Amino acid sequence: MFFSSDNWAGAHPSINERLARESTRFAAAYGNSDLDKAVEARFNEIFETEVSVFFVSTGTAANSLSLASIARIGGVVFAHSEAHVIEDECGARTSSRACA
């Protein structure tokens, strides 16, 4: 098993196959396609509550969006000094505080 950056590793063949199949037709953008709505409905079912799904290309984008969704404007996020968000993603932070 390779533990590496999510934008370095390849995608599972079934994911590539599905992306290739879905890319052969036109679809509404920004979460408005039938596929986007079906994925969101499936997540609602899994988590047994209404959720929002945002498709992003990297784990850094996902983590930044997740933190931004729960933080107040001008707020802070407390994390252990060795947390992934501190060690590996400090370039994505919007805080003026320097990375550890």
C-alpha atoms as a PDB file:
ATOM      1  CA  MET A   1       0.000   0.000   0.000  1.00  0.00           C
ATOM      2  CA  PHE A   2       1.312   3.449  -0.916  1.00  0.00           C
ATOM      3  CA  PHE A   3       0.721   6.266   1.550  1.00  0.00           C
ATOM      4  CA  SER A   4       1.278   9.388  -0.510  1.00  0.00           C
ATOM      5  CA  SER A   5      -0.385  12.578  -1.561  1.00  0.00           C
ATOM      6  CA  ASP A   6      -3.895  12.154  -2.923  1.00  0.00           C
ATOM      7  CA  ASN A   7      -2.971  14.142  -6.043  1.00  0.00           C
ATOM      8  CA  TRP A   8       0.016  11.879  -6.694  1.00  0.00           C
ATOM      9  CA  ALA A   9      -1.705   8.509  -6.505  1.00  0.00           C
ATOM     10  CA  GLY A  10      -3.869   7.151  -9.296  1.00  0.00           C
ATOM     11  CA  ALA A  11      -7.606   6.548  -9.118  1.00  0.00           C
ATOM     12  CA  HIS A  12      -9.201   3.121  -8.810  1.00  0.00           C
ATOM     13  CA  PRO A  13      -9.998   1.653 -12.265  1.00  0.00           C
ATOM     14  CA  SER A  14     -13.753   1.608 -11.544  1.00  0.00           C
ATOM     15  CA  ILE A  15     -13.628   5.333 -10.762  1.00  0.00           C
ATOM     16  CA  ASN A  16     -11.799   6.056 -14.027  1.00  0.00           C
ATOM     17  CA  GLU A  17     -14.308   3.911 -15.905  1.00  0.00           C
ATOM     18  CA  ARG A  18     -17.281   5.775 -14.404  1.00  0.00           C
ATOM     19  CA  LEU A  19     -15.696   9.179 -15.060  1.00  0.00           C
ATOM     20  CA  ALA A  20     -15.071   8.212 -18.681  1.00  0.00           C
ATOM     21  CA  ARG A  21     -18.682   7.058 -19.063  1.00  0.00           C
ATOM     22  CA  GLU A  22     -20.108  10.216 -17.455  1.00  0.00           C
ATOM     23  CA  SER A  23     -17.882  12.530 -19.498  1.00  0.00           C
ATOM     24  CA  THR A  24     -19.452  11.511 -22.815  1.00  0.00           C
ATOM     25  CA  ARG A  25     -22.510  13.734 -22.335  1.00  0.00           C
ATOM     26  CA  PHE A  26     -23.406  17.232 -21.286  1.00  0.00           C
ATOM     27  CA  ALA A  27     -24.451  17.908 -17.693  1.00  0.00           C
ATOM     28  CA  ALA A  28     -25.254  20.945 -15.592  1.00  0.00           C
ATOM     29  CA  ALA A  29     -22.308  22.297 -13.594  1.00  0.00           C
ATOM     30  CA  TYR A  30     -21.750  23.239  -9.948  1.00  0.00           C
ATOM     31  CA  GLY A  31     -23.707  20.441  -8.297  1.00  0.00           C
ATOM     32  CA  ASN A  32     -26.785  20.695 -10.493  1.00  0.00           C
ATOM     33  CA  SER A  33     -26.429  17.578 -12.653  1.00  0.00           C
ATOM     34  CA  ASP A  34     -28.499  14.452 -12.183  1.00  0.00           C
ATOM     35  CA  LEU A  35     -25.356  12.603 -11.077  1.00  0.00           C
ATOM     36  CA  ASP A  36     -24.512  15.288  -8.491  1.00  0.00           C
ATOM     37  CA  LYS A  37     -28.035  15.099  -7.098  1.00  0.00           C
ATOM     38  CA  ALA A  38     -27.932  11.281  -6.990  1.00  0.00           C
ATOM     39  CA  VAL A  39     -24.622  11.316  -5.108  1.00  0.00           C
ATOM     40  CA  GLU A  40     -25.945  13.855  -2.612  1.00  0.00           C
ATOM     41  CA  ALA A  41     -29.121  11.779  -2.107  1.00  0.00           C
ATOM     42  CA  ARG A  42     -26.974   8.703  -1.432  1.00  0.00           C
ATOM     43  CA  PHE A  43     -24.915  10.593   1.174  1.00  0.00           C
ATOM     44  CA  ASN A  44     -28.146  11.803   2.801  1.00  0.00           C
ATOM     45  CA  GLU A  45     -29.223   8.174   3.029  1.00  0.00           C
ATOM     46  CA  ILE A  46     -25.882   6.996   4.435  1.00  0.00           C
ATOM     47  CA  PHE A  47     -25.684   9.719   7.091  1.00  0.00           C
ATOM     48  CA  GLU A  48     -29.447   9.687   7.782  1.00  0.00           C
ATOM     49  CA  THR A  49     -29.586  13.493   7.564  1.00  0.00           C
ATOM     50  CA  GLU A  50     -29.473  16.144   4.861  1.00  0.00           C
ATOM     51  CA  VAL A  51     -25.907  16.947   3.825  1.00  0.00           C
ATOM     52  CA  SER A  52     -24.185  18.992   1.133  1.00  0.00           C
ATOM     53  CA  VAL A  53     -21.638  17.350  -1.135  1.00  0.00           C
ATOM     54  CA  PHE A  54     -18.792  19.292  -2.728  1.00  0.00           C
ATOM     55  CA  PHE A  55     -16.596  17.585  -5.298  1.00  0.00           C
ATOM     56  CA  VAL A  56     -12.977  18.697  -5.034  1.00  0.00           C
ATOM     57  CA  SER A  57      -9.799  17.502  -6.684  1.00  0.00           C
ATOM     58  CA  THR A  58      -7.521  17.083  -3.654  1.00  0.00           C
ATOM     59  CA  GLY A  59      -7.574  16.218   0.025  1.00  0.00           C
ATOM     60  CA  THR A  60      -6.183  19.657   0.819  1.00  0.00           C
ATOM     61  CA  ALA A  61      -9.179  21.254  -0.881  1.00  0.00           C
ATOM     62  CA  ALA A  62     -11.536  18.914   0.983  1.00  0.00           C
ATOM     63  CA  ASN A  63      -9.933  19.613   4.352  1.00  0.00           C
ATOM     64  CA  SER A  64      -9.852  23.377   3.774  1.00  0.00           C
ATOM     65  CA  LEU A  65     -13.498  23.422   2.711  1.00  0.00           C
ATOM     66  CA  SER A  66     -14.470  21.276   5.697  1.00  0.00           C
ATOM     67  CA  LEU A  67     -12.733  23.567   8.158  1.00  0.00           C
ATOM     68  CA  ALA A  68     -14.115  26.677   6.475  1.00  0.00           C
ATOM     69  CA  SER A  69     -17.642  25.284   6.663  1.00  0.00           C
ATOM     70  CA  ILE A  70     -17.553  25.063  10.455  1.00  0.00           C
ATOM     71  CA  ALA A  71     -15.377  28.063  11.342  1.00  0.00           C
ATOM     72  CA  ARG A  72     -16.801  31.489  12.019  1.00  0.00           C
ATOM     73  CA  ILE A  73     -15.517  34.464  10.041  1.00  0.00           C
ATOM     74  CA  GLY A  74     -12.233  35.493  11.624  1.00  0.00           C
ATOM     75  CA  GLY A  75     -12.322  32.379  13.785  1.00  0.00           C
ATOM     76  CA  VAL A  76      -9.615  29.878  14.498  1.00  0.00           C
ATOM     77  CA  VAL A  77      -9.249  26.126  14.359  1.00  0.00           C
ATOM     78  CA  PHE A  78      -7.387  24.437  17.190  1.00  0.00           C
ATOM     79  CA  ALA A  79      -5.274  21.489  16.135  1.00  0.00           C
ATOM     80  CA  HIS A  80      -2.417  19.495  17.596  1.00  0.00           C
ATOM     81  CA  SER A  81       0.975  20.793  16.466  1.00  0.00           C
ATOM     82  CA  GLU A  82       1.530  17.522  14.587  1.00  0.00           C
ATOM     83  CA  ALA A  83      -1.934  17.407  13.000  1.00  0.00           C
ATOM     84  CA  HIS A  84      -2.098  16.818   9.255  1.00  0.00           C
ATOM     85  CA  VAL A  85      -3.625  20.243   8.662  1.00  0.00           C
ATOM     86  CA  ILE A  86      -0.606  21.852  10.365  1.00  0.00           C
ATOM     87  CA  GLU A  87       2.146  19.579   9.081  1.00  0.00           C
ATOM     88  CA  ASP A  88       1.049  19.135   5.474  1.00  0.00           C
ATOM     89  CA  GLU A  89      -1.487  21.776   4.535  1.00  0.00           C
ATOM     90  CA  CYS A  90      -0.352  25.039   6.043  1.00  0.00           C
ATOM     91  CA  GLY A  91      -0.141  26.592   2.579  1.00  0.00           C
ATOM     92  CA  ALA A  92      -3.917  26.245   2.317  1.00  0.00           C
ATOM     93  CA  ARG A  93      -4.576  28.089   5.547  1.00  0.00           C
ATOM     94  CA  THR A  94      -5.994  31.579   5.394  1.00  0.00           C
ATOM     95  CA  SER A  95      -4.717  32.571   8.819  1.00  0.00           C
ATOM     96  CA  SER A  96      -1.988  35.165   9.166  1.00  0.00           C
ATOM     97  CA  ARG A  97      -0.307  32.951  11.775  1.00  0.00           C
ATOM     98  CA  ALA A  98       2.817  31.298  10.456  1.00  0.00           C
ATOM     99  CA  CYS A  99       2.830  27.523  10.087  1.00  0.00           C
ATOM    100  CA  ALA A 100       4.534  25.516  12.803  1.00  0.00           C
END
